[in-house]
Amino acid sequence: LLSSYTFAAALAGVFATYFVDRFERRVLLLSLYACFIIATLVCGLAPD
């Protein structure tokens, strides 16, 4: 359960190398942060 977070973060970091230097930083940061908030909220609602 702990490593699901870290392994996903590791894979996402590799994937991010494709686009992190291609987008305007502010838009990318705010968009990713909004998605992070939704995912964290879903963690609290998870039934099992």
All heavy atoms as atom14 arrays in JSON, in Angstrom:
{
  "sequence": "LLSSYTFAAALAGVFATYFVDRFERRVLLLSLYACFIIATLVCGLAPD",
  "atom14_mask": [
    [1, 1, 1, 1, 1, 1, 1, 1, 0, 0, 0, 0, 0, 0],
    [1, 1, 1, 1, 1, 1, 1, 1, 0, 0, 0, 0, 0, 0],
    [1, 1, 1, 1, 1, 1, 0, 0, 0, 0, 0, 0, 0, 0],
    [1, 1, 1, 1, 1, 1, 0, 0, 0, 0, 0, 0, 0, 0],
    [1, 1, 1, 1, 1, 1, 1, 1, 1, 1, 1, 1, 0, 0],
    [1, 1, 1, 1, 1, 1, 1, 0, 0, 0, 0, 0, 0, 0],
    [1, 1, 1, 1, 1, 1, 1, 1, 1, 1, 1, 0, 0, 0],
    [1, 1, 1, 1, 1, 0, 0, 0, 0, 0, 0, 0, 0, 0],
    [1, 1, 1, 1, 1, 0, 0, 0, 0, 0, 0, 0, 0, 0],
    [1, 1, 1, 1, 1, 0, 0, 0, 0, 0, 0, 0, 0, 0],
    [1, 1, 1, 1, 1, 1, 1, 1, 0, 0, 0, 0, 0, 0],
    [1, 1, 1, 1, 1, 0, 0, 0, 0, 0, 0, 0, 0, 0],
    [1, 1, 1, 1, 0, 0, 0, 0, 0, 0, 0, 0, 0, 0],
    [1, 1, 1, 1, 1, 1, 1, 0, 0, 0, 0, 0, 0, 0],
    [1, 1, 1, 1, 1, 1, 1, 1, 1, 1, 1, 0, 0, 0],
    [1, 1, 1, 1, 1, 0, 0, 0, 0, 0, 0, 0, 0, 0],
    [1, 1, 1, 1, 1, 1, 1, 0, 0, 0, 0, 0, 0, 0],
    [1, 1, 1, 1, 1, 1, 1, 1, 1, 1, 1, 1, 0, 0],
    [1, 1, 1, 1, 1, 1, 1, 1, 1, 1, 1, 0, 0, 0],
    [1, 1, 1, 1, 1, 1, 1, 0, 0, 0, 0, 0, 0, 0],
    [1, 1, 1, 1, 1, 1, 1, 1, 0, 0, 0, 0, 0, 0],
    [1, 1, 1, 1, 1, 1, 1, 1, 1, 1, 1, 0, 0, 0],
    [1, 1, 1, 1, 1, 1, 1, 1, 1, 1, 1, 0, 0, 0],
    [1, 1, 1, 1, 1, 1, 1, 1, 1, 0, 0, 0, 0, 0],
    [1, 1, 1, 1, 1, 1, 1, 1, 1, 1, 1, 0, 0, 0],
    [1, 1, 1, 1, 1, 1, 1, 1, 1, 1, 1, 0, 0, 0],
    [1, 1, 1, 1, 1, 1, 1, 0, 0, 0, 0, 0, 0, 0],
    [1, 1, 1, 1, 1, 1, 1, 1, 0, 0, 0, 0, 0, 0],
    [1, 1, 1, 1, 1, 1, 1, 1, 0, 0, 0, 0, 0, 0],
    [1, 1, 1, 1, 1, 1, 1, 1, 0, 0, 0, 0, 0, 0],
    [1, 1, 1, 1, 1, 1, 0, 0, 0, 0, 0, 0, 0, 0],
    [1, 1, 1, 1, 1, 1, 1, 1, 0, 0, 0, 0, 0, 0],
    [1, 1, 1, 1, 1, 1, 1, 1, 1, 1, 1, 1, 0, 0],
    [1, 1, 1, 1, 1, 0, 0, 0, 0, 0, 0, 0, 0, 0],
    [1, 1, 1, 1, 1, 1, 0, 0, 0, 0, 0, 0, 0, 0],
    [1, 1, 1, 1, 1, 1, 1, 1, 1, 1, 1, 0, 0, 0],
    [1, 1, 1, 1, 1, 1, 1, 1, 0, 0, 0, 0, 0, 0],
    [1, 1, 1, 1, 1, 1, 1, 1, 0, 0, 0, 0, 0, 0],
    [1, 1, 1, 1, 1, 0, 0, 0, 0, 0, 0, 0, 0, 0],
    [1, 1, 1, 1, 1, 1, 1, 0, 0, 0, 0, 0, 0, 0],
    [1, 1, 1, 1, 1, 1, 1, 1, 0, 0, 0, 0, 0, 0],
    [1, 1, 1, 1, 1, 1, 1, 0, 0, 0, 0, 0, 0, 0],
    [1, 1, 1, 1, 1, 1, 0, 0, 0, 0, 0, 0, 0, 0],
    [1, 1, 1, 1, 0, 0, 0, 0, 0, 0, 0, 0, 0, 0],
    [1, 1, 1, 1, 1, 1, 1, 1, 0, 0, 0, 0, 0, 0],
    [1, 1, 1, 1, 1, 0, 0, 0, 0, 0, 0, 0, 0, 0],
    [1, 1, 1, 1, 1, 1, 1, 0, 0, 0, 0, 0, 0, 0],
    [1, 1, 1, 1, 1, 1, 1, 1, 0, 0, 0, 0, 0, 0]
  ],
  "atom14_positions": [
    [[0.84, -1.21, 0.0], [0.0, 0.0, 0.0], [0.87, 1.26, 0.0], [0.6, 2.22, -0.73], [-0.92, -0.02, 1.23], [-2.09, 0.96, 1.27], [-3.03, 0.75, 0.1], [-2.85, 0.83, 2.58], [0.0, 0.0, 0.0], [0.0, 0.0, 0.0], [0.0, 0.0, 0.0], [0.0, 0.0, 0.0], [0.0, 0.0, 0.0], [0.0, 0.0, 0.0]],
    [[1.94, 1.22, 0.81], [2.9, 2.34, 0.83], [3.59, 2.48, -0.53], [3.73, 3.58, -1.05], [3.97, 2.1, 1.89], [3.61, 2.29, 3.36], [4.79, 1.89, 4.22], [3.21, 3.72, 3.65], [0.0, 0.0, 0.0], [0.0, 0.0, 0.0], [0.0, 0.0, 0.0], [0.0, 0.0, 0.0], [0.0, 0.0, 0.0], [0.0, 0.0, 0.0]],
    [[4.0, 1.35, -1.09], [4.8, 1.39, -2.32], [3.96, 1.69, -3.56], [4.51, 2.1, -4.58], [5.56, 0.08, -2.51], [4.66, -0.99, -2.64], [0.0, 0.0, 0.0], [0.0, 0.0, 0.0], [0.0, 0.0, 0.0], [0.0, 0.0, 0.0], [0.0, 0.0, 0.0], [0.0, 0.0, 0.0], [0.0, 0.0, 0.0], [0.0, 0.0, 0.0]],
    [[2.63, 1.51, -3.48], [1.79, 1.88, -4.64], [1.96, 3.36, -4.95], [1.98, 3.77, -6.11], [0.31, 1.57, -4.36], [-0.2, 2.39, -3.32], [0.0, 0.0, 0.0], [0.0, 0.0, 0.0], [0.0, 0.0, 0.0], [0.0, 0.0, 0.0], [0.0, 0.0, 0.0], [0.0, 0.0, 0.0], [0.0, 0.0, 0.0], [0.0, 0.0, 0.0]],
    [[2.12, 4.17, -3.89], [2.35, 5.62, -4.05], [3.72, 5.87, -4.67], [3.85, 6.6, -5.64], [2.25, 6.28, -2.68], [2.26, 7.8, -2.7], [1.07, 8.51, -2.59], [3.44, 8.52, -2.81], [1.06, 9.9, -2.59], [3.45, 9.9, -2.82], [2.25, 10.59, -2.71], [2.26, 11.97, -2.73], [0.0, 0.0, 0.0], [0.0, 0.0, 0.0]],
    [[4.74, 5.22, -4.1], [6.11, 5.52, -4.53], [6.43, 4.96, -5.91], [7.11, 5.62, -6.7], [7.13, 4.98, -3.5], [6.82, 3.6, -3.23], [7.07, 5.74, -2.2], [0.0, 0.0, 0.0], [0.0, 0.0, 0.0], [0.0, 0.0, 0.0], [0.0, 0.0, 0.0], [0.0, 0.0, 0.0], [0.0, 0.0, 0.0], [0.0, 0.0, 0.0]],
    [[5.95, 3.75, -6.22], [6.21, 3.19, -7.55], [5.5, 4.0, -8.64], [6.05, 4.22, -9.71], [5.79, 1.72, -7.62], [6.73, 0.79, -6.89], [6.24, -0.3, -6.18], [8.1, 1.0, -6.91], [7.11, -1.16, -5.51], [8.98, 0.16, -6.24], [8.48, -0.93, -5.54], [0.0, 0.0, 0.0], [0.0, 0.0, 0.0], [0.0, 0.0, 0.0]],
    [[4.26, 4.42, -8.34], [3.52, 5.25, -9.3], [4.23, 6.58, -9.51], [4.32, 7.09, -10.63], [2.09, 5.48, -8.81], [0.0, 0.0, 0.0], [0.0, 0.0, 0.0], [0.0, 0.0, 0.0], [0.0, 0.0, 0.0], [0.0, 0.0, 0.0], [0.0, 0.0, 0.0], [0.0, 0.0, 0.0], [0.0, 0.0, 0.0], [0.0, 0.0, 0.0]],
    [[4.77, 7.15, -8.41], [5.52, 8.41, -8.5], [6.77, 8.24, -9.34], [7.13, 9.11, -10.13], [5.89, 8.9, -7.1], [0.0, 0.0, 0.0], [0.0, 0.0, 0.0], [0.0, 0.0, 0.0], [0.0, 0.0, 0.0], [0.0, 0.0, 0.0], [0.0, 0.0, 0.0], [0.0, 0.0, 0.0], [0.0, 0.0, 0.0], [0.0, 0.0, 0.0]],
    [[7.44, 7.1, -9.18], [8.66, 6.81, -9.95], [8.36, 6.71, -11.44], [9.05, 7.31, -12.27], [9.31, 5.53, -9.45], [0.0, 0.0, 0.0], [0.0, 0.0, 0.0], [0.0, 0.0, 0.0], [0.0, 0.0, 0.0], [0.0, 0.0, 0.0], [0.0, 0.0, 0.0], [0.0, 0.0, 0.0], [0.0, 0.0, 0.0], [0.0, 0.0, 0.0]],
    [[7.31, 5.96, -11.79], [6.93, 5.81, -13.2], [6.49, 7.14, -13.79], [6.85, 7.48, -14.92], [5.79, 4.79, -13.33], [6.18, 3.32, -13.15], [4.94, 2.44, -13.09], [7.1, 2.86, -14.29], [0.0, 0.0, 0.0], [0.0, 0.0, 0.0], [0.0, 0.0, 0.0], [0.0, 0.0, 0.0], [0.0, 0.0, 0.0], [0.0, 0.0, 0.0]],
    [[5.72, 7.9, -13.01], [5.24, 9.2, -13.49], [6.4, 10.16, -13.72], [6.38, 10.95, -14.67], [4.25, 9.8, -12.48], [0.0, 0.0, 0.0], [0.0, 0.0, 0.0], [0.0, 0.0, 0.0], [0.0, 0.0, 0.0], [0.0, 0.0, 0.0], [0.0, 0.0, 0.0], [0.0, 0.0, 0.0], [0.0, 0.0, 0.0], [0.0, 0.0, 0.0]],
    [[7.42, 10.08, -12.85], [8.6, 10.93, -13.01], [9.33, 10.65, -14.31], [9.79, 11.57, -15.0], [0.0, 0.0, 0.0], [0.0, 0.0, 0.0], [0.0, 0.0, 0.0], [0.0, 0.0, 0.0], [0.0, 0.0, 0.0], [0.0, 0.0, 0.0], [0.0, 0.0, 0.0], [0.0, 0.0, 0.0], [0.0, 0.0, 0.0], [0.0, 0.0, 0.0]],
    [[9.44, 9.37, -14.67], [10.06, 9.0, -15.95], [9.2, 9.5, -17.12], [9.7, 10.09, -18.07], [10.24, 7.46, -16.05], [10.74, 7.07, -17.44], [11.22, 6.98, -14.99], [0.0, 0.0, 0.0], [0.0, 0.0, 0.0], [0.0, 0.0, 0.0], [0.0, 0.0, 0.0], [0.0, 0.0, 0.0], [0.0, 0.0, 0.0], [0.0, 0.0, 0.0]],
    [[7.9, 9.31, -17.02], [6.97, 9.77, -18.05], [7.03, 11.3, -18.19], [6.97, 11.85, -19.3], [5.55, 9.32, -17.7], [4.5, 9.8, -18.66], [4.48, 9.37, -19.99], [3.51, 10.69, -18.25], [3.52, 9.83, -20.88], [2.54, 11.15, -19.12], [2.54, 10.7, -20.44], [0.0, 0.0, 0.0], [0.0, 0.0, 0.0], [0.0, 0.0, 0.0]],
    [[7.2, 11.98, -17.05], [7.23, 13.46, -17.05], [8.42, 14.02, -17.82], [8.36, 15.15, -18.3], [7.26, 13.97, -15.61], [0.0, 0.0, 0.0], [0.0, 0.0, 0.0], [0.0, 0.0, 0.0], [0.0, 0.0, 0.0], [0.0, 0.0, 0.0], [0.0, 0.0, 0.0], [0.0, 0.0, 0.0], [0.0, 0.0, 0.0], [0.0, 0.0, 0.0]],
    [[9.5, 13.24, -17.95], [10.67, 13.74, -18.69], [10.31, 14.06, -20.14], [10.98, 14.86, -20.78], [11.83, 12.72, -18.66], [11.4, 11.49, -19.25], [12.31, 12.45, -17.25], [0.0, 0.0, 0.0], [0.0, 0.0, 0.0], [0.0, 0.0, 0.0], [0.0, 0.0, 0.0], [0.0, 0.0, 0.0], [0.0, 0.0, 0.0], [0.0, 0.0, 0.0]],
    [[9.25, 13.43, -20.65], [8.82, 13.69, -22.03], [8.21, 15.08, -22.19], [8.31, 15.67, -23.25], [7.8, 12.63, -22.48], [8.44, 11.37, -23.0], [8.77, 10.34, -22.13], [8.73, 11.22, -24.35], [9.37, 9.18, -22.6], [9.33, 10.07, -24.83], [9.65, 9.05, -23.95], [10.24, 7.92, -24.42], [0.0, 0.0, 0.0], [0.0, 0.0, 0.0]],
    [[7.52, 15.55, -21.14], [6.76, 16.8, -21.33], [7.09, 17.93, -20.36], [6.68, 19.07, -20.58], [5.25, 16.52, -21.27], [4.77, 15.97, -19.96], [4.53, 16.81, -18.88], [4.55, 14.62, -19.81], [4.08, 16.32, -17.67], [4.1, 14.1, -18.59], [3.86, 14.96, -17.52], [0.0, 0.0, 0.0], [0.0, 0.0, 0.0], [0.0, 0.0, 0.0]],
    [[7.87, 17.64, -19.29], [8.07, 18.65, -18.25], [8.75, 19.92, -18.77], [8.49, 21.02, -18.29], [8.83, 18.05, -17.03], [10.3, 17.83, -17.35], [8.67, 18.91, -15.8], [0.0, 0.0, 0.0], [0.0, 0.0, 0.0], [0.0, 0.0, 0.0], [0.0, 0.0, 0.0], [0.0, 0.0, 0.0], [0.0, 0.0, 0.0], [0.0, 0.0, 0.0]],
    [[9.63, 19.78, -19.75], [10.31, 20.95, -20.31], [9.62, 21.5, -21.57], [10.13, 22.4, -22.22], [11.77, 20.6, -20.65], [12.63, 20.46, -19.4], [12.35, 21.16, -18.41], [13.56, 19.63, -19.4], [0.0, 0.0, 0.0], [0.0, 0.0, 0.0], [0.0, 0.0, 0.0], [0.0, 0.0, 0.0], [0.0, 0.0, 0.0], [0.0, 0.0, 0.0]],
    [[8.45, 20.94, -21.91], [7.74, 21.34, -23.13], [6.54, 22.23, -22.87], [5.97, 22.79, -23.79], [7.27, 20.08, -23.88], [8.4, 19.12, -24.26], [8.87, 19.39, -25.66], [10.09, 18.66, -25.96], [10.32, 18.07, -27.13], [9.39, 18.09, -28.07], [11.46, 17.48, -27.36], [0.0, 0.0, 0.0], [0.0, 0.0, 0.0], [0.0, 0.0, 0.0]],
    [[6.09, 22.3, -21.59], [4.91, 23.09, -21.24], [5.28, 24.27, -20.37], [6.29, 24.24, -19.66], [3.89, 22.23, -20.49], [3.15, 21.26, -21.36], [3.63, 19.97, -21.55], [1.97, 21.62, -22.0], [2.96, 19.06, -22.35], [1.28, 20.73, -22.8], [1.78, 19.44, -22.97], [0.0, 0.0, 0.0], [0.0, 0.0, 0.0], [0.0, 0.0, 0.0]],
    [[4.43, 25.28, -20.41], [4.6, 26.43, -19.51], [4.45, 25.91, -18.07], [3.5, 25.19, -17.75], [3.54, 27.48, -19.85], [3.77, 28.84, -19.2], [3.13, 28.91, -17.83], [1.92, 28.7, -17.72], [3.89, 29.17, -16.86], [0.0, 0.0, 0.0], [0.0, 0.0, 0.0], [0.0, 0.0, 0.0], [0.0, 0.0, 0.0], [0.0, 0.0, 0.0]],
    [[5.4, 26.28, -17.2], [5.5, 25.67, -15.88], [4.25, 25.89, -15.01], [3.8, 24.98, -14.31], [6.71, 26.23, -15.13], [8.05, 26.09, -15.86], [8.76, 24.81, -15.55], [10.17, 24.87, -15.87], [10.82, 23.96, -16.59], [10.18, 22.91, -17.06], [12.1, 24.08, -16.82], [0.0, 0.0, 0.0], [0.0, 0.0, 0.0], [0.0, 0.0, 0.0]],
    [[3.69, 27.1, -15.0], [2.57, 27.42, -14.11], [1.35, 26.57, -14.42], [0.74, 25.98, -13.51], [2.22, 28.91, -14.25], [1.05, 29.36, -13.37], [0.8, 30.85, -13.59], [-0.25, 31.34, -12.7], [-1.54, 31.36, -13.03], [-1.94, 30.89, -14.21], [-2.44, 31.83, -12.17], [0.0, 0.0, 0.0], [0.0, 0.0, 0.0], [0.0, 0.0, 0.0]],
    [[0.97, 26.48, -15.69], [-0.21, 25.71, -16.11], [-0.03, 24.24, -15.74], [-0.94, 23.59, -15.22], [-0.45, 25.86, -17.64], [-1.5, 24.87, -18.13], [-0.88, 27.28, -17.96], [0.0, 0.0, 0.0], [0.0, 0.0, 0.0], [0.0, 0.0, 0.0], [0.0, 0.0, 0.0], [0.0, 0.0, 0.0], [0.0, 0.0, 0.0], [0.0, 0.0, 0.0]],
    [[1.17, 23.71, -15.99], [1.46, 22.31, -15.7], [1.35, 22.04, -14.2], [0.73, 21.05, -13.77], [2.86, 21.95, -16.2], [3.28, 20.48, -16.13], [2.35, 19.6, -16.95], [4.72, 20.31, -16.62], [0.0, 0.0, 0.0], [0.0, 0.0, 0.0], [0.0, 0.0, 0.0], [0.0, 0.0, 0.0], [0.0, 0.0, 0.0], [0.0, 0.0, 0.0]],
    [[1.94, 22.93, -13.4], [1.93, 22.76, -11.94], [0.51, 22.78, -11.39], [0.12, 21.89, -10.62], [2.76, 23.88, -11.28], [2.91, 23.77, -9.76], [3.94, 22.71, -9.39], [3.32, 25.11, -9.16], [0.0, 0.0, 0.0], [0.0, 0.0, 0.0], [0.0, 0.0, 0.0], [0.0, 0.0, 0.0], [0.0, 0.0, 0.0], [0.0, 0.0, 0.0]],
    [[-0.28, 23.79, -11.77], [-1.64, 23.92, -11.24], [-2.53, 22.75, -11.68], [-3.35, 22.26, -10.89], [-2.26, 25.26, -11.68], [-1.58, 26.53, -11.15], [-2.26, 27.77, -11.69], [-1.58, 26.56, -9.62], [0.0, 0.0, 0.0], [0.0, 0.0, 0.0], [0.0, 0.0, 0.0], [0.0, 0.0, 0.0], [0.0, 0.0, 0.0], [0.0, 0.0, 0.0]],
    [[-2.37, 22.3, -12.92], [-3.17, 21.17, -13.43], [-2.85, 19.88, -12.67], [-3.76, 19.15, -12.25], [-2.91, 20.95, -14.92], [-3.18, 22.12, -15.65], [0.0, 0.0, 0.0], [0.0, 0.0, 0.0], [0.0, 0.0, 0.0], [0.0, 0.0, 0.0], [0.0, 0.0, 0.0], [0.0, 0.0, 0.0], [0.0, 0.0, 0.0], [0.0, 0.0, 0.0]],
    [[-1.56, 19.61, -12.48], [-1.15, 18.41, -11.76], [-1.6, 18.45, -10.31], [-2.02, 17.43, -9.74], [0.38, 18.25, -11.81], [0.98, 17.83, -13.15], [2.49, 18.0, -13.13], [0.62, 16.39, -13.49], [0.0, 0.0, 0.0], [0.0, 0.0, 0.0], [0.0, 0.0, 0.0], [0.0, 0.0, 0.0], [0.0, 0.0, 0.0], [0.0, 0.0, 0.0]],
    [[-1.54, 19.64, -9.71], [-1.93, 19.78, -8.3], [-3.42, 19.55, -8.11], [-3.85, 18.92, -7.13], [-1.5, 21.15, -7.78], [-1.51, 21.27, -6.28], [-0.94, 20.29, -5.47], [-2.06, 22.39, -5.65], [-0.93, 20.4, -4.09], [-2.06, 22.51, -4.26], [-1.5, 21.51, -3.49], [-1.5, 21.63, -2.12], [0.0, 0.0, 0.0], [0.0, 0.0, 0.0]],
    [[-4.23, 20.04, -9.05], [-5.68, 19.82, -8.99], [-5.99, 18.32, -9.08], [-6.84, 17.81, -8.34], [-6.37, 20.58, -10.12], [0.0, 0.0, 0.0], [0.0, 0.0, 0.0], [0.0, 0.0, 0.0], [0.0, 0.0, 0.0], [0.0, 0.0, 0.0], [0.0, 0.0, 0.0], [0.0, 0.0, 0.0], [0.0, 0.0, 0.0], [0.0, 0.0, 0.0]],
    [[-5.28, 17.61, -9.94], [-5.47, 16.15, -10.08], [-5.04, 15.42, -8.8], [-5.69, 14.46, -8.37], [-4.66, 15.62, -11.26], [-5.26, 16.18, -12.86], [0.0, 0.0, 0.0], [0.0, 0.0, 0.0], [0.0, 0.0, 0.0], [0.0, 0.0, 0.0], [0.0, 0.0, 0.0], [0.0, 0.0, 0.0], [0.0, 0.0, 0.0], [0.0, 0.0, 0.0]],
    [[-3.96, 15.91, -8.18], [-3.48, 15.33, -6.93], [-4.55, 15.47, -5.83], [-4.79, 14.53, -5.06], [-2.18, 16.04, -6.51], [-1.81, 15.84, -5.06], [-1.22, 14.66, -4.63], [-2.07, 16.84, -4.13], [-0.88, 14.48, -3.29], [-1.74, 16.66, -2.79], [-1.15, 15.48, -2.37], [0.0, 0.0, 0.0], [0.0, 0.0, 0.0], [0.0, 0.0, 0.0]],
    [[-5.19, 16.64, -5.75], [-6.22, 16.89, -4.73], [-7.39, 15.91, -4.9], [-7.88, 15.33, -3.93], [-6.73, 18.35, -4.8], [-5.59, 19.32, -4.4], [-7.93, 18.56, -3.87], [-5.89, 20.78, -4.69], [0.0, 0.0, 0.0], [0.0, 0.0, 0.0], [0.0, 0.0, 0.0], [0.0, 0.0, 0.0], [0.0, 0.0, 0.0], [0.0, 0.0, 0.0]],
    [[-7.81, 15.72, -6.16], [-8.93, 14.8, -6.44], [-8.55, 13.37, -6.02], [-9.33, 12.67, -5.38], [-9.3, 14.85, -7.94], [-9.89, 16.23, -8.28], [-10.31, 13.75, -8.3], [-9.97, 16.52, -9.77], [0.0, 0.0, 0.0], [0.0, 0.0, 0.0], [0.0, 0.0, 0.0], [0.0, 0.0, 0.0], [0.0, 0.0, 0.0], [0.0, 0.0, 0.0]],
    [[-7.33, 12.94, -6.37], [-6.87, 11.59, -6.03], [-6.82, 11.38, -4.51], [-7.2, 10.32, -4.01], [-5.5, 11.33, -6.65], [0.0, 0.0, 0.0], [0.0, 0.0, 0.0], [0.0, 0.0, 0.0], [0.0, 0.0, 0.0], [0.0, 0.0, 0.0], [0.0, 0.0, 0.0], [0.0, 0.0, 0.0], [0.0, 0.0, 0.0], [0.0, 0.0, 0.0]],
    [[-6.38, 12.41, -3.78], [-6.3, 12.32, -2.31], [-7.7, 12.23, -1.7], [-7.93, 11.47, -0.75], [-5.54, 13.53, -1.73], [-4.22, 13.55, -2.29], [-5.43, 13.46, -0.22], [0.0, 0.0, 0.0], [0.0, 0.0, 0.0], [0.0, 0.0, 0.0], [0.0, 0.0, 0.0], [0.0, 0.0, 0.0], [0.0, 0.0, 0.0], [0.0, 0.0, 0.0]],
    [[-8.63, 12.98, -2.25], [-10.02, 12.94, -1.79], [-10.61, 11.53, -2.01], [-11.3, 10.99, -1.13], [-10.86, 13.98, -2.56], [-12.29, 14.2, -2.09], [-12.33, 14.69, -0.65], [-13.0, 15.2, -3.01], [0.0, 0.0, 0.0], [0.0, 0.0, 0.0], [0.0, 0.0, 0.0], [0.0, 0.0, 0.0], [0.0, 0.0, 0.0], [0.0, 0.0, 0.0]],
    [[-10.3, 10.93, -3.16], [-10.77, 9.57, -3.47], [-10.18, 8.55, -2.48], [-10.85, 7.59, -2.1], [-10.44, 9.18, -4.93], [-10.77, 7.72, -5.21], [-11.21, 10.07, -5.9], [0.0, 0.0, 0.0], [0.0, 0.0, 0.0], [0.0, 0.0, 0.0], [0.0, 0.0, 0.0], [0.0, 0.0, 0.0], [0.0, 0.0, 0.0], [0.0, 0.0, 0.0]],
    [[-8.92, 8.79, -2.01], [-8.32, 7.91, -1.0], [-9.2, 7.87, 0.26], [-9.43, 6.81, 0.85], [-6.92, 8.4, -0.61], [-5.67, 8.13, -1.87], [0.0, 0.0, 0.0], [0.0, 0.0, 0.0], [0.0, 0.0, 0.0], [0.0, 0.0, 0.0], [0.0, 0.0, 0.0], [0.0, 0.0, 0.0], [0.0, 0.0, 0.0], [0.0, 0.0, 0.0]],
    [[-9.67, 9.06, 0.66], [-10.53, 9.14, 1.85], [-11.87, 8.48, 1.67], [-12.51, 8.06, 2.64], [0.0, 0.0, 0.0], [0.0, 0.0, 0.0], [0.0, 0.0, 0.0], [0.0, 0.0, 0.0], [0.0, 0.0, 0.0], [0.0, 0.0, 0.0], [0.0, 0.0, 0.0], [0.0, 0.0, 0.0], [0.0, 0.0, 0.0], [0.0, 0.0, 0.0]],
    [[-12.33, 8.38, 0.43], [-13.64, 7.79, 0.12], [-13.55, 6.3, -0.21], [-14.58, 5.63, -0.39], [-14.28, 8.53, -1.06], [-14.6, 10.01, -0.84], [-14.97, 10.68, -2.16], [-15.72, 10.19, 0.17], [0.0, 0.0, 0.0], [0.0, 0.0, 0.0], [0.0, 0.0, 0.0], [0.0, 0.0, 0.0], [0.0, 0.0, 0.0], [0.0, 0.0, 0.0]],
    [[-12.32, 5.77, -0.33], [-12.12, 4.37, -0.77], [-12.83, 3.39, 0.17], [-12.62, 3.44, 1.39], [-10.63, 4.06, -0.83], [0.0, 0.0, 0.0], [0.0, 0.0, 0.0], [0.0, 0.0, 0.0], [0.0, 0.0, 0.0], [0.0, 0.0, 0.0], [0.0, 0.0, 0.0], [0.0, 0.0, 0.0], [0.0, 0.0, 0.0], [0.0, 0.0, 0.0]],
    [[-13.65, 2.47, -0.39], [-14.41, 1.54, 0.46], [-13.61, 0.33, 0.96], [-13.97, -0.29, 1.95], [-15.55, 1.08, -0.46], [-15.0, 1.22, -1.84], [-14.04, 2.38, -1.8], [0.0, 0.0, 0.0], [0.0, 0.0, 0.0], [0.0, 0.0, 0.0], [0.0, 0.0, 0.0], [0.0, 0.0, 0.0], [0.0, 0.0, 0.0], [0.0, 0.0, 0.0]],
    [[-12.51, -0.03, 0.25], [-11.76, -1.23, 0.64], [-10.29, -1.08, 0.26], [-9.86, -0.08, -0.3], [-12.35, -2.48, -0.02], [-12.47, -2.35, -1.53], [-11.59, -1.72, -2.16], [-13.46, -2.87, -2.1], [0.0, 0.0, 0.0], [0.0, 0.0, 0.0], [0.0, 0.0, 0.0], [0.0, 0.0, 0.0], [0.0, 0.0, 0.0], [0.0, 0.0, 0.0]]
  ]
}
